[in-house]
Amino acid sequence: MPDYVPLTFGFEALYPPMALVANSLRDLYIKLAEPCRFSEFRLLGEGQGARLAEGANRQLTITNDRFVYRDEFTRQMFTTFSEDVNLILRNLRQVYQIPVILHTKILVRLLMPYQGEGTTVQYLESRLISEASSHLGYFNRPLSGTGIRLVFPPTQELHSTYHLRIEPYFRDLKMFFLENSAQFFDPLVDFSQAQHYMEDAYNFVKEQAGPFVLALSSP
């Protein structure tokens, strides 16, 4: 199994519209500040929600019909991120009595070190577009990199969509950039089931996308 470096984790949940008042948002911040390590609280406007944050890279934005939690350029492990999300979900339900999560989006970005010769740009060009290389002159511009995007639609068994990106990581061309932007369409009444969604999206990158990239070098 390849090694991975966490880069970005994100979780977005849509729920039925609700009223937001400043006092309840402050109560929510008090509940989440210590366990989720939030040090900043800002109201977005009258009835518009609030933003909880730790610096520029970790933010929780709560509005009247959704919340978005992003941890970018993270040093946290996936387990820590998922623990934070589960705690946020429990406290949102406790404070606002949210009956159901209507739609869930999960973002996973990992870096995977490349141990082979050359760079990830050269590797992907040779494995993905080697037959097209002779025709790139049509663009009259140089090419600095290439990648692949794969879209996996819902099926009768799997009610989710995965948008997978595989690219060089341009800050370090000995790293692959792997992203799964996942959507889950089944409503959640039992909020603890969100853990399964997060694990499915994360494991898809670790256990399938990463090995797929490395398998491109196989004869």
N, C-alpha and C. Protein backbone atom coordinates (compact mmCIF):
# COMPACT_ATOMS: atom_id res chain seq x y z
N MET A 1 0.85 -1.19 0.00
CA MET A 1 0.00 0.00 0.00
C MET A 1 0.89 1.25 0.00
N PRO A 2 0.64 2.21 -0.90
CA PRO A 2 1.46 3.43 -0.94
C PRO A 2 1.32 4.24 0.35
N ASP A 3 2.31 5.10 0.60
CA ASP A 3 2.21 6.07 1.68
C ASP A 3 1.47 7.31 1.18
N TYR A 4 0.77 7.97 2.07
CA TYR A 4 0.00 9.16 1.69
C TYR A 4 0.27 10.29 2.67
N VAL A 5 0.15 11.50 2.15
CA VAL A 5 0.30 12.71 2.97
C VAL A 5 -1.03 13.46 2.92
N PRO A 6 -1.69 13.70 4.06
CA PRO A 6 -2.95 14.46 4.04
C PRO A 6 -2.74 15.87 3.53
N LEU A 7 -3.67 16.36 2.72
CA LEU A 7 -3.60 17.72 2.19
C LEU A 7 -4.85 18.52 2.54
N THR A 8 -6.02 18.02 2.16
CA THR A 8 -7.28 18.72 2.43
C THR A 8 -8.37 17.71 2.73
N PHE A 9 -9.16 18.01 3.76
CA PHE A 9 -10.38 17.26 4.05
C PHE A 9 -11.54 18.25 4.11
N GLY A 10 -12.69 17.86 3.58
CA GLY A 10 -13.86 18.73 3.62
C GLY A 10 -15.14 17.93 3.80
N PHE A 11 -16.09 18.54 4.47
CA PHE A 11 -17.40 17.91 4.69
C PHE A 11 -18.46 18.99 4.59
N GLU A 12 -19.46 18.75 3.75
CA GLU A 12 -20.59 19.67 3.60
C GLU A 12 -21.88 18.90 3.77
N ALA A 13 -22.77 19.41 4.61
CA ALA A 13 -24.06 18.77 4.85
C ALA A 13 -25.18 19.78 4.62
N LEU A 14 -26.19 19.36 3.85
CA LEU A 14 -27.38 20.18 3.61
C LEU A 14 -28.53 19.65 4.46
N TYR A 15 -29.29 20.57 5.08
CA TYR A 15 -30.40 20.17 5.93
C TYR A 15 -31.57 21.13 5.70
N PRO A 16 -32.77 20.81 6.21
CA PRO A 16 -33.91 21.72 6.01
C PRO A 16 -33.61 23.09 6.60
N PRO A 17 -34.06 24.17 5.94
CA PRO A 17 -33.77 25.53 6.43
C PRO A 17 -34.24 25.72 7.87
N MET A 18 -33.45 26.46 8.63
CA MET A 18 -33.78 26.71 10.04
C MET A 18 -33.40 28.15 10.37
N ALA A 19 -33.98 28.66 11.44
CA ALA A 19 -33.66 30.01 11.89
C ALA A 19 -32.38 29.98 12.71
N LEU A 20 -31.54 30.98 12.50
CA LEU A 20 -30.29 31.09 13.24
C LEU A 20 -30.30 32.40 14.03
N VAL A 21 -30.08 32.29 15.31
CA VAL A 21 -29.98 33.49 16.14
C VAL A 21 -28.58 33.51 16.76
N ALA A 22 -28.12 34.70 17.08
CA ALA A 22 -26.74 34.87 17.52
C ALA A 22 -26.44 34.08 18.79
N ASN A 23 -27.39 34.06 19.74
CA ASN A 23 -27.12 33.38 21.00
C ASN A 23 -26.89 31.88 20.82
N SER A 24 -27.69 31.26 19.95
CA SER A 24 -27.52 29.82 19.75
C SER A 24 -26.22 29.52 19.02
N LEU A 25 -25.81 30.40 18.12
CA LEU A 25 -24.54 30.21 17.43
C LEU A 25 -23.37 30.35 18.40
N ARG A 26 -23.48 31.29 19.34
CA ARG A 26 -22.43 31.42 20.36
C ARG A 26 -22.40 30.19 21.26
N ASP A 27 -23.58 29.66 21.60
CA ASP A 27 -23.62 28.44 22.40
C ASP A 27 -22.93 27.29 21.67
N LEU A 28 -23.16 27.21 20.37
CA LEU A 28 -22.53 26.16 19.59
C LEU A 28 -21.01 26.33 19.58
N TYR A 29 -20.57 27.56 19.45
CA TYR A 29 -19.12 27.82 19.47
C TYR A 29 -18.51 27.39 20.80
N ILE A 30 -19.18 27.69 21.89
CA ILE A 30 -18.67 27.31 23.22
C ILE A 30 -18.53 25.79 23.32
N LYS A 31 -19.48 25.07 22.76
CA LYS A 31 -19.43 23.61 22.81
C LYS A 31 -18.30 23.03 21.96
N LEU A 32 -17.99 23.70 20.83
CA LEU A 32 -17.04 23.14 19.88
C LEU A 32 -15.63 23.70 20.00
N ALA A 33 -15.49 24.85 20.65
CA ALA A 33 -14.20 25.56 20.61
C ALA A 33 -13.05 24.71 21.13
N GLU A 34 -13.20 24.12 22.29
CA GLU A 34 -12.08 23.36 22.86
C GLU A 34 -11.85 22.04 22.16
N PRO A 35 -12.87 21.17 22.01
CA PRO A 35 -12.60 19.87 21.39
C PRO A 35 -12.20 19.95 19.92
N CYS A 36 -12.73 20.95 19.18
CA CYS A 36 -12.39 21.09 17.76
C CYS A 36 -11.29 22.12 17.52
N ARG A 37 -10.78 22.72 18.60
CA ARG A 37 -9.62 23.61 18.51
C ARG A 37 -9.93 24.89 17.72
N PHE A 38 -11.16 25.38 17.81
CA PHE A 38 -11.51 26.64 17.16
C PHE A 38 -11.17 27.80 18.10
N SER A 39 -10.49 28.79 17.57
CA SER A 39 -10.10 29.95 18.38
C SER A 39 -10.75 31.24 17.91
N GLU A 40 -11.53 31.20 16.82
CA GLU A 40 -12.13 32.41 16.26
C GLU A 40 -13.62 32.17 16.02
N PHE A 41 -14.41 33.21 16.26
CA PHE A 41 -15.86 33.16 16.04
C PHE A 41 -16.29 34.47 15.42
N ARG A 42 -17.04 34.37 14.31
CA ARG A 42 -17.50 35.59 13.63
C ARG A 42 -18.90 35.37 13.09
N LEU A 43 -19.82 36.25 13.45
CA LEU A 43 -21.16 36.21 12.88
C LEU A 43 -21.12 36.73 11.44
N LEU A 44 -21.90 36.12 10.57
CA LEU A 44 -21.91 36.50 9.15
C LEU A 44 -22.91 37.59 8.82
N GLY A 45 -23.74 37.94 9.77
CA GLY A 45 -24.79 38.93 9.53
C GLY A 45 -26.07 38.45 10.19
N GLU A 46 -27.01 39.33 10.34
CA GLU A 46 -28.25 39.01 11.04
C GLU A 46 -28.94 37.81 10.39
N GLY A 47 -29.01 36.70 11.13
CA GLY A 47 -29.69 35.51 10.65
C GLY A 47 -28.95 34.75 9.56
N GLN A 48 -27.70 35.14 9.25
CA GLN A 48 -26.97 34.53 8.13
C GLN A 48 -26.06 33.40 8.57
N GLY A 49 -25.80 33.26 9.85
CA GLY A 49 -24.95 32.18 10.31
C GLY A 49 -23.67 32.69 10.94
N ALA A 50 -22.67 31.80 11.01
CA ALA A 50 -21.42 32.14 11.67
C ALA A 50 -20.28 31.34 11.08
N ARG A 51 -19.07 31.81 11.37
CA ARG A 51 -17.86 31.10 10.94
C ARG A 51 -16.98 30.87 12.15
N LEU A 52 -16.62 29.63 12.37
CA LEU A 52 -15.70 29.24 13.42
C LEU A 52 -14.40 28.82 12.74
N ALA A 53 -13.27 29.19 13.32
CA ALA A 53 -12.03 28.93 12.60
C ALA A 53 -10.86 28.77 13.55
N GLU A 54 -9.82 28.17 13.01
CA GLU A 54 -8.48 28.18 13.61
C GLU A 54 -7.53 28.60 12.50
N GLY A 55 -7.19 29.89 12.46
CA GLY A 55 -6.35 30.38 11.39
C GLY A 55 -7.08 30.38 10.06
N ALA A 56 -6.30 30.43 8.98
CA ALA A 56 -6.89 30.55 7.64
C ALA A 56 -7.26 29.21 7.03
N ASN A 57 -6.74 28.11 7.56
CA ASN A 57 -6.89 26.83 6.88
C ASN A 57 -7.97 25.93 7.45
N ARG A 58 -8.41 26.15 8.69
CA ARG A 58 -9.47 25.33 9.28
C ARG A 58 -10.66 26.22 9.57
N GLN A 59 -11.79 25.94 8.89
CA GLN A 59 -12.97 26.78 9.05
C GLN A 59 -14.23 25.93 9.03
N LEU A 60 -15.16 26.32 9.88
CA LEU A 60 -16.51 25.76 9.89
C LEU A 60 -17.48 26.90 9.64
N THR A 61 -18.21 26.83 8.54
CA THR A 61 -19.20 27.85 8.19
C THR A 61 -20.59 27.25 8.34
N ILE A 62 -21.41 27.88 9.14
CA ILE A 62 -22.77 27.41 9.41
C ILE A 62 -23.75 28.43 8.87
N THR A 63 -24.65 28.00 7.99
CA THR A 63 -25.71 28.87 7.48
C THR A 63 -27.05 28.21 7.78
N ASN A 64 -28.14 28.82 7.30
CA ASN A 64 -29.46 28.32 7.70
C ASN A 64 -29.84 27.01 7.02
N ASP A 65 -29.09 26.56 5.99
CA ASP A 65 -29.47 25.29 5.36
C ASP A 65 -28.30 24.35 5.11
N ARG A 66 -27.10 24.69 5.62
CA ARG A 66 -25.95 23.80 5.43
C ARG A 66 -24.80 24.21 6.34
N PHE A 67 -23.87 23.29 6.53
CA PHE A 67 -22.60 23.67 7.12
C PHE A 67 -21.48 23.09 6.28
N VAL A 68 -20.37 23.81 6.24
CA VAL A 68 -19.20 23.41 5.46
C VAL A 68 -17.99 23.46 6.39
N TYR A 69 -17.31 22.34 6.50
CA TYR A 69 -16.11 22.26 7.32
C TYR A 69 -14.95 21.91 6.41
N ARG A 70 -13.90 22.75 6.41
CA ARG A 70 -12.73 22.51 5.57
C ARG A 70 -11.47 22.60 6.40
N ASP A 71 -10.59 21.66 6.17
CA ASP A 71 -9.27 21.64 6.80
C ASP A 71 -8.26 21.53 5.66
N GLU A 72 -7.64 22.66 5.28
CA GLU A 72 -6.79 22.71 4.11
C GLU A 72 -5.32 22.80 4.49
N PHE A 73 -4.47 22.24 3.63
CA PHE A 73 -3.04 22.17 3.91
C PHE A 73 -2.84 21.63 5.33
N THR A 74 -3.55 20.56 5.60
CA THR A 74 -3.66 20.06 6.96
C THR A 74 -2.46 19.21 7.36
N ARG A 75 -2.22 19.16 8.65
CA ARG A 75 -1.30 18.19 9.23
C ARG A 75 -2.06 17.16 10.06
N GLN A 76 -3.39 17.27 10.05
CA GLN A 76 -4.22 16.35 10.81
C GLN A 76 -4.40 15.03 10.05
N MET A 77 -4.58 14.00 10.80
CA MET A 77 -4.90 12.71 10.20
C MET A 77 -6.40 12.66 9.89
N PHE A 78 -6.78 11.75 9.00
CA PHE A 78 -8.18 11.60 8.64
C PHE A 78 -9.03 11.25 9.86
N THR A 79 -8.49 10.44 10.77
CA THR A 79 -9.26 10.05 11.95
C THR A 79 -9.61 11.27 12.79
N THR A 80 -8.68 12.23 12.92
CA THR A 80 -8.96 13.44 13.69
C THR A 80 -10.04 14.27 12.99
N PHE A 81 -9.94 14.39 11.67
CA PHE A 81 -10.95 15.13 10.91
C PHE A 81 -12.33 14.50 11.09
N SER A 82 -12.43 13.19 10.96
CA SER A 82 -13.75 12.54 11.07
C SER A 82 -14.30 12.66 12.49
N GLU A 83 -13.44 12.64 13.50
CA GLU A 83 -13.90 12.85 14.88
C GLU A 83 -14.49 14.25 15.03
N ASP A 84 -13.83 15.25 14.42
CA ASP A 84 -14.36 16.61 14.47
C ASP A 84 -15.73 16.69 13.81
N VAL A 85 -15.87 16.08 12.63
CA VAL A 85 -17.15 16.13 11.91
C VAL A 85 -18.25 15.49 12.74
N ASN A 86 -17.98 14.34 13.33
CA ASN A 86 -19.01 13.67 14.14
C ASN A 86 -19.40 14.51 15.34
N LEU A 87 -18.43 15.20 15.95
CA LEU A 87 -18.75 16.07 17.08
C LEU A 87 -19.57 17.26 16.63
N ILE A 88 -19.24 17.83 15.48
CA ILE A 88 -20.02 18.95 14.94
C ILE A 88 -21.46 18.51 14.68
N LEU A 89 -21.62 17.34 14.07
CA LEU A 89 -22.96 16.84 13.77
C LEU A 89 -23.78 16.64 15.04
N ARG A 90 -23.18 16.05 16.06
CA ARG A 90 -23.91 15.80 17.31
C ARG A 90 -24.35 17.10 17.96
N ASN A 91 -23.47 18.09 17.96
CA ASN A 91 -23.82 19.34 18.62
C ASN A 91 -24.81 20.16 17.80
N LEU A 92 -24.72 20.10 16.48
CA LEU A 92 -25.73 20.78 15.65
C LEU A 92 -27.11 20.20 15.91
N ARG A 93 -27.19 18.90 16.00
CA ARG A 93 -28.49 18.27 16.26
C ARG A 93 -28.99 18.65 17.65
N GLN A 94 -28.08 18.70 18.61
CA GLN A 94 -28.48 19.03 19.97
C GLN A 94 -28.99 20.47 20.08
N VAL A 95 -28.30 21.40 19.43
CA VAL A 95 -28.66 22.82 19.55
C VAL A 95 -29.87 23.16 18.69
N TYR A 96 -29.94 22.60 17.46
CA TYR A 96 -30.96 23.03 16.51
C TYR A 96 -32.01 21.97 16.19
N GLN A 97 -31.88 20.80 16.78
CA GLN A 97 -32.87 19.74 16.54
C GLN A 97 -33.04 19.43 15.05
N ILE A 98 -31.92 19.38 14.32
CA ILE A 98 -31.98 19.09 12.89
C ILE A 98 -32.47 17.65 12.70
N PRO A 99 -33.57 17.44 11.95
CA PRO A 99 -34.14 16.09 11.85
C PRO A 99 -33.41 15.17 10.87
N VAL A 100 -32.79 15.76 9.82
CA VAL A 100 -32.25 14.92 8.76
C VAL A 100 -31.18 15.70 7.99
N ILE A 101 -30.16 14.99 7.54
CA ILE A 101 -29.20 15.52 6.58
C ILE A 101 -29.68 15.10 5.20
N LEU A 102 -29.95 16.05 4.34
CA LEU A 102 -30.55 15.76 3.04
C LEU A 102 -29.53 15.31 2.00
N HIS A 103 -28.33 15.85 2.08
CA HIS A 103 -27.33 15.63 1.04
C HIS A 103 -25.96 15.85 1.67
N THR A 104 -25.00 15.02 1.30
CA THR A 104 -23.67 15.09 1.91
C THR A 104 -22.61 15.16 0.83
N LYS A 105 -21.64 16.07 1.01
CA LYS A 105 -20.50 16.16 0.12
C LYS A 105 -19.22 16.00 0.94
N ILE A 106 -18.30 15.24 0.41
CA ILE A 106 -17.04 14.99 1.12
C ILE A 106 -15.89 15.20 0.15
N LEU A 107 -14.87 15.92 0.61
CA LEU A 107 -13.69 16.19 -0.19
C LEU A 107 -12.47 15.58 0.48
N VAL A 108 -11.72 14.79 -0.29
CA VAL A 108 -10.49 14.19 0.21
C VAL A 108 -9.38 14.50 -0.78
N ARG A 109 -8.31 15.14 -0.31
CA ARG A 109 -7.13 15.38 -1.13
C ARG A 109 -5.91 14.81 -0.40
N LEU A 110 -5.23 13.91 -1.08
CA LEU A 110 -4.02 13.30 -0.53
C LEU A 110 -2.88 13.47 -1.52
N LEU A 111 -1.67 13.51 -1.00
CA LEU A 111 -0.47 13.46 -1.82
C LEU A 111 0.14 12.08 -1.69
N MET A 112 0.66 11.58 -2.81
CA MET A 112 1.31 10.28 -2.82
C MET A 112 2.71 10.42 -3.38
N PRO A 113 3.74 10.11 -2.61
CA PRO A 113 5.12 10.24 -3.11
C PRO A 113 5.37 9.32 -4.30
N TYR A 114 6.17 9.82 -5.23
CA TYR A 114 6.57 9.06 -6.41
C TYR A 114 8.02 8.64 -6.25
N GLN A 115 8.27 7.34 -6.32
CA GLN A 115 9.61 6.80 -6.08
C GLN A 115 10.37 6.51 -7.36
N GLY A 116 9.74 6.68 -8.51
CA GLY A 116 10.37 6.31 -9.76
C GLY A 116 11.29 7.38 -10.31
N GLU A 117 11.80 7.14 -11.50
CA GLU A 117 12.69 8.09 -12.15
C GLU A 117 11.88 9.26 -12.74
N GLY A 118 12.54 10.41 -12.84
CA GLY A 118 11.88 11.57 -13.41
C GLY A 118 10.87 12.17 -12.45
N THR A 119 9.90 12.89 -13.03
CA THR A 119 8.88 13.58 -12.24
C THR A 119 7.51 12.97 -12.49
N THR A 120 6.56 13.38 -11.68
CA THR A 120 5.19 12.92 -11.88
C THR A 120 4.62 13.43 -13.20
N VAL A 121 5.06 14.62 -13.63
CA VAL A 121 4.63 15.13 -14.94
C VAL A 121 5.07 14.18 -16.04
N GLN A 122 6.32 13.80 -16.02
CA GLN A 122 6.85 12.90 -17.05
C GLN A 122 6.18 11.53 -16.98
N TYR A 123 5.94 11.06 -15.78
CA TYR A 123 5.29 9.76 -15.61
C TYR A 123 3.88 9.76 -16.21
N LEU A 124 3.08 10.77 -15.86
CA LEU A 124 1.71 10.80 -16.36
C LEU A 124 1.65 11.06 -17.86
N GLU A 125 2.57 11.89 -18.37
CA GLU A 125 2.59 12.12 -19.82
C GLU A 125 2.89 10.83 -20.57
N SER A 126 3.85 10.09 -20.09
CA SER A 126 4.24 8.87 -20.79
C SER A 126 3.18 7.79 -20.67
N ARG A 127 2.43 7.78 -19.57
CA ARG A 127 1.44 6.72 -19.35
C ARG A 127 0.05 7.07 -19.84
N LEU A 128 -0.26 8.37 -19.91
CA LEU A 128 -1.63 8.78 -20.24
C LEU A 128 -1.78 9.31 -21.66
N ILE A 129 -0.81 10.09 -22.15
CA ILE A 129 -1.02 10.76 -23.43
C ILE A 129 0.15 10.52 -24.39
N SER A 130 0.83 9.40 -24.23
CA SER A 130 1.99 9.16 -25.10
C SER A 130 1.59 9.16 -26.58
N GLU A 131 0.42 8.63 -26.92
CA GLU A 131 -0.01 8.58 -28.31
C GLU A 131 -0.44 9.94 -28.83
N ALA A 132 -0.79 10.85 -27.92
CA ALA A 132 -1.25 12.18 -28.35
C ALA A 132 -0.10 13.19 -28.39
N SER A 133 1.06 12.83 -27.85
CA SER A 133 2.14 13.81 -27.71
C SER A 133 2.53 14.45 -29.03
N SER A 134 2.54 13.68 -30.10
CA SER A 134 2.97 14.23 -31.38
C SER A 134 1.99 15.27 -31.93
N HIS A 135 0.79 15.33 -31.38
CA HIS A 135 -0.22 16.27 -31.87
C HIS A 135 -0.37 17.51 -30.99
N LEU A 136 0.41 17.60 -29.91
CA LEU A 136 0.26 18.73 -28.99
C LEU A 136 0.65 20.06 -29.63
N GLY A 137 1.37 20.03 -30.74
CA GLY A 137 1.74 21.26 -31.42
C GLY A 137 0.55 22.07 -31.91
N TYR A 138 -0.61 21.43 -32.02
CA TYR A 138 -1.80 22.16 -32.45
C TYR A 138 -2.14 23.31 -31.49
N PHE A 139 -1.74 23.20 -30.23
CA PHE A 139 -2.09 24.22 -29.25
C PHE A 139 -1.15 25.42 -29.31
N ASN A 140 0.01 25.28 -29.93
CA ASN A 140 0.98 26.37 -30.03
C ASN A 140 1.35 26.94 -28.67
N ARG A 141 1.35 26.10 -27.68
CA ARG A 141 1.74 26.50 -26.33
C ARG A 141 2.48 25.34 -25.68
N PRO A 142 3.42 25.64 -24.79
CA PRO A 142 4.10 24.54 -24.09
C PRO A 142 3.18 23.87 -23.08
N LEU A 143 3.49 22.65 -22.73
CA LEU A 143 2.69 21.87 -21.77
C LEU A 143 3.52 21.66 -20.51
N SER A 144 2.98 22.07 -19.37
CA SER A 144 3.71 21.91 -18.11
C SER A 144 3.23 20.71 -17.31
N GLY A 145 2.11 20.16 -17.69
CA GLY A 145 1.61 19.01 -16.93
C GLY A 145 0.34 18.46 -17.53
N THR A 146 -0.02 17.26 -17.08
CA THR A 146 -1.25 16.62 -17.53
C THR A 146 -1.85 15.86 -16.36
N GLY A 147 -3.08 15.45 -16.51
CA GLY A 147 -3.74 14.70 -15.45
C GLY A 147 -4.91 13.93 -16.00
N ILE A 148 -5.66 13.34 -15.09
CA ILE A 148 -6.81 12.54 -15.50
C ILE A 148 -7.96 12.82 -14.55
N ARG A 149 -9.17 12.88 -15.09
CA ARG A 149 -10.37 13.04 -14.28
C ARG A 149 -11.31 11.89 -14.61
N LEU A 150 -11.74 11.19 -13.60
CA LEU A 150 -12.65 10.06 -13.75
C LEU A 150 -13.92 10.34 -12.94
N VAL A 151 -15.08 10.14 -13.55
CA VAL A 151 -16.36 10.37 -12.89
C VAL A 151 -17.08 9.03 -12.75
N PHE A 152 -17.41 8.68 -11.52
CA PHE A 152 -18.10 7.43 -11.23
C PHE A 152 -19.52 7.76 -10.78
N PRO A 153 -20.54 7.47 -11.61
CA PRO A 153 -21.91 7.88 -11.29
C PRO A 153 -22.56 6.92 -10.29
N PRO A 154 -23.74 7.29 -9.78
CA PRO A 154 -24.46 6.38 -8.89
C PRO A 154 -24.89 5.12 -9.64
N THR A 155 -25.05 4.05 -8.88
CA THR A 155 -25.60 2.80 -9.40
C THR A 155 -26.77 2.40 -8.52
N GLN A 156 -27.40 1.28 -8.86
CA GLN A 156 -28.50 0.81 -8.03
C GLN A 156 -28.03 0.45 -6.63
N GLU A 157 -26.78 0.00 -6.52
CA GLU A 157 -26.25 -0.40 -5.22
C GLU A 157 -25.57 0.76 -4.48
N LEU A 158 -24.93 1.65 -5.22
CA LEU A 158 -24.14 2.73 -4.63
C LEU A 158 -24.77 4.07 -5.00
N HIS A 159 -25.37 4.74 -4.02
CA HIS A 159 -26.08 5.99 -4.27
C HIS A 159 -25.14 7.17 -4.02
N SER A 160 -24.06 7.19 -4.76
CA SER A 160 -23.05 8.24 -4.60
C SER A 160 -22.37 8.49 -5.93
N THR A 161 -21.78 9.68 -6.03
CA THR A 161 -20.97 10.03 -7.20
C THR A 161 -19.58 10.39 -6.72
N TYR A 162 -18.57 9.86 -7.40
CA TYR A 162 -17.18 10.19 -7.10
C TYR A 162 -16.57 10.90 -8.31
N HIS A 163 -15.97 12.06 -8.07
CA HIS A 163 -15.20 12.77 -9.08
C HIS A 163 -13.73 12.67 -8.66
N LEU A 164 -12.98 11.88 -9.40
CA LEU A 164 -11.59 11.60 -9.04
C LEU A 164 -10.65 12.38 -9.95
N ARG A 165 -9.71 13.10 -9.35
CA ARG A 165 -8.65 13.80 -10.08
C ARG A 165 -7.30 13.20 -9.71
N ILE A 166 -6.49 12.99 -10.72
CA ILE A 166 -5.12 12.51 -10.53
C ILE A 166 -4.21 13.42 -11.34
N GLU A 167 -3.31 14.12 -10.66
CA GLU A 167 -2.47 15.12 -11.31
C GLU A 167 -1.09 15.13 -10.65
N PRO A 168 -0.11 15.75 -11.31
CA PRO A 168 1.12 16.09 -10.59
C PRO A 168 0.81 17.13 -9.51
N TYR A 169 1.54 17.11 -8.43
CA TYR A 169 1.44 18.16 -7.44
C TYR A 169 2.51 19.19 -7.77
N PHE A 170 2.08 20.33 -8.29
CA PHE A 170 3.02 21.25 -8.92
C PHE A 170 3.95 21.96 -7.94
N ARG A 171 3.66 21.88 -6.65
CA ARG A 171 4.60 22.41 -5.66
C ARG A 171 5.77 21.45 -5.42
N ASP A 172 5.56 20.19 -5.75
CA ASP A 172 6.61 19.18 -5.58
C ASP A 172 6.36 18.10 -6.63
N LEU A 173 7.14 18.09 -7.69
CA LEU A 173 6.88 17.19 -8.81
C LEU A 173 7.33 15.76 -8.56
N LYS A 174 7.66 15.45 -7.31
CA LYS A 174 7.85 14.06 -6.90
C LYS A 174 6.64 13.56 -6.11
N MET A 175 5.54 14.31 -6.20
CA MET A 175 4.30 13.94 -5.52
C MET A 175 3.16 13.89 -6.54
N PHE A 176 2.28 12.90 -6.38
CA PHE A 176 1.01 12.87 -7.08
C PHE A 176 -0.05 13.56 -6.22
N PHE A 177 -0.94 14.29 -6.87
CA PHE A 177 -2.11 14.91 -6.23
C PHE A 177 -3.32 14.04 -6.53
N LEU A 178 -3.99 13.55 -5.50
CA LEU A 178 -5.16 12.69 -5.64
C LEU A 178 -6.34 13.35 -4.93
N GLU A 179 -7.45 13.50 -5.63
CA GLU A 179 -8.64 14.13 -5.05
C GLU A 179 -9.87 13.32 -5.36
N ASN A 180 -10.68 13.10 -4.33
CA ASN A 180 -12.01 12.54 -4.52
C ASN A 180 -13.02 13.54 -4.00
N SER A 181 -13.84 14.10 -4.91
CA SER A 181 -14.94 14.98 -4.55
C SER A 181 -16.21 14.13 -4.64
N ALA A 182 -16.70 13.72 -3.49
CA ALA A 182 -17.77 12.72 -3.42
C ALA A 182 -19.08 13.35 -2.98
N GLN A 183 -20.18 12.83 -3.52
CA GLN A 183 -21.52 13.24 -3.10
C GLN A 183 -22.32 12.00 -2.76
N PHE A 184 -23.05 12.07 -1.64
CA PHE A 184 -23.88 10.96 -1.18
C PHE A 184 -25.32 11.45 -1.12
N PHE A 185 -26.20 10.71 -1.77
CA PHE A 185 -27.56 11.20 -2.00
C PHE A 185 -28.60 10.64 -1.05
N ASP A 186 -28.28 9.62 -0.27
CA ASP A 186 -29.24 9.08 0.69
C ASP A 186 -29.33 10.00 1.90
N PRO A 187 -30.53 10.39 2.32
CA PRO A 187 -30.66 11.21 3.53
C PRO A 187 -30.16 10.45 4.76
N LEU A 188 -29.69 11.22 5.74
CA LEU A 188 -29.20 10.65 6.99
C LEU A 188 -30.09 11.09 8.15
N VAL A 189 -30.77 10.13 8.72
CA VAL A 189 -31.50 10.39 9.97
C VAL A 189 -30.62 10.04 11.16
N ASP A 190 -29.89 8.96 11.03
CA ASP A 190 -28.89 8.57 12.02
C ASP A 190 -27.57 9.22 11.61
N PHE A 191 -27.20 10.32 12.28
CA PHE A 191 -26.05 11.08 11.86
C PHE A 191 -24.73 10.31 12.01
N SER A 192 -24.72 9.28 12.84
CA SER A 192 -23.50 8.50 12.99
C SER A 192 -23.13 7.77 11.69
N GLN A 193 -24.10 7.62 10.79
CA GLN A 193 -23.82 6.95 9.52
C GLN A 193 -22.93 7.82 8.62
N ALA A 194 -22.77 9.09 8.93
CA ALA A 194 -21.86 9.93 8.16
C ALA A 194 -20.44 9.40 8.20
N GLN A 195 -20.10 8.69 9.27
CA GLN A 195 -18.76 8.10 9.37
C GLN A 195 -18.50 7.15 8.21
N HIS A 196 -19.51 6.37 7.83
CA HIS A 196 -19.35 5.43 6.72
C HIS A 196 -19.11 6.18 5.41
N TYR A 197 -19.80 7.28 5.21
CA TYR A 197 -19.59 8.08 4.00
C TYR A 197 -18.15 8.59 3.95
N MET A 198 -17.68 9.12 5.07
CA MET A 198 -16.32 9.65 5.09
C MET A 198 -15.30 8.54 4.82
N GLU A 199 -15.49 7.41 5.44
CA GLU A 199 -14.55 6.30 5.24
C GLU A 199 -14.57 5.81 3.80
N ASP A 200 -15.77 5.73 3.20
CA ASP A 200 -15.86 5.27 1.81
C ASP A 200 -15.10 6.22 0.88
N ALA A 201 -15.30 7.54 1.06
CA ALA A 201 -14.64 8.52 0.19
C ALA A 201 -13.12 8.48 0.38
N TYR A 202 -12.68 8.35 1.61
CA TYR A 202 -11.25 8.33 1.92
C TYR A 202 -10.60 7.04 1.42
N ASN A 203 -11.22 5.92 1.68
CA ASN A 203 -10.64 4.64 1.28
C ASN A 203 -10.61 4.48 -0.24
N PHE A 204 -11.53 5.13 -0.93
CA PHE A 204 -11.51 5.07 -2.39
C PHE A 204 -10.22 5.65 -2.93
N VAL A 205 -9.75 6.73 -2.32
CA VAL A 205 -8.48 7.33 -2.74
C VAL A 205 -7.31 6.43 -2.35
N LYS A 206 -7.29 6.00 -1.09
CA LYS A 206 -6.15 5.23 -0.59
C LYS A 206 -6.03 3.85 -1.24
N GLU A 207 -7.15 3.16 -1.33
CA GLU A 207 -7.11 1.75 -1.69
C GLU A 207 -7.34 1.49 -3.17
N GLN A 208 -7.86 2.51 -3.89
CA GLN A 208 -8.11 2.29 -5.31
C GLN A 208 -7.39 3.31 -6.20
N ALA A 209 -7.49 4.59 -5.90
CA ALA A 209 -6.88 5.59 -6.78
C ALA A 209 -5.35 5.49 -6.75
N GLY A 210 -4.77 5.42 -5.56
CA GLY A 210 -3.32 5.32 -5.46
C GLY A 210 -2.76 4.10 -6.17
N PRO A 211 -3.25 2.89 -5.86
CA PRO A 211 -2.77 1.71 -6.57
C PRO A 211 -3.00 1.78 -8.07
N PHE A 212 -4.10 2.42 -8.52
CA PHE A 212 -4.34 2.58 -9.94
C PHE A 212 -3.23 3.39 -10.60
N VAL A 213 -2.81 4.48 -9.96
CA VAL A 213 -1.74 5.30 -10.52
C VAL A 213 -0.46 4.48 -10.67
N LEU A 214 -0.11 3.75 -9.64
CA LEU A 214 1.13 2.97 -9.68
C LEU A 214 1.03 1.83 -10.69
N ALA A 215 -0.17 1.32 -10.90
CA ALA A 215 -0.34 0.22 -11.85
C ALA A 215 -0.13 0.67 -13.30
N LEU A 216 -0.16 1.98 -13.56
CA LEU A 216 0.06 2.47 -14.92
C LEU A 216 1.46 2.11 -15.44
N SER A 217 2.37 1.85 -14.51
CA SER A 217 3.74 1.51 -14.91
C SER A 217 3.88 0.03 -15.24
N SER A 218 2.83 -0.77 -14.99
CA SER A 218 2.89 -2.20 -15.27
C SER A 218 2.79 -2.42 -16.78
N PRO A 219 3.45 -3.45 -17.30
CA PRO A 219 3.38 -3.76 -18.75
C PRO A 219 1.95 -4.05 -19.16
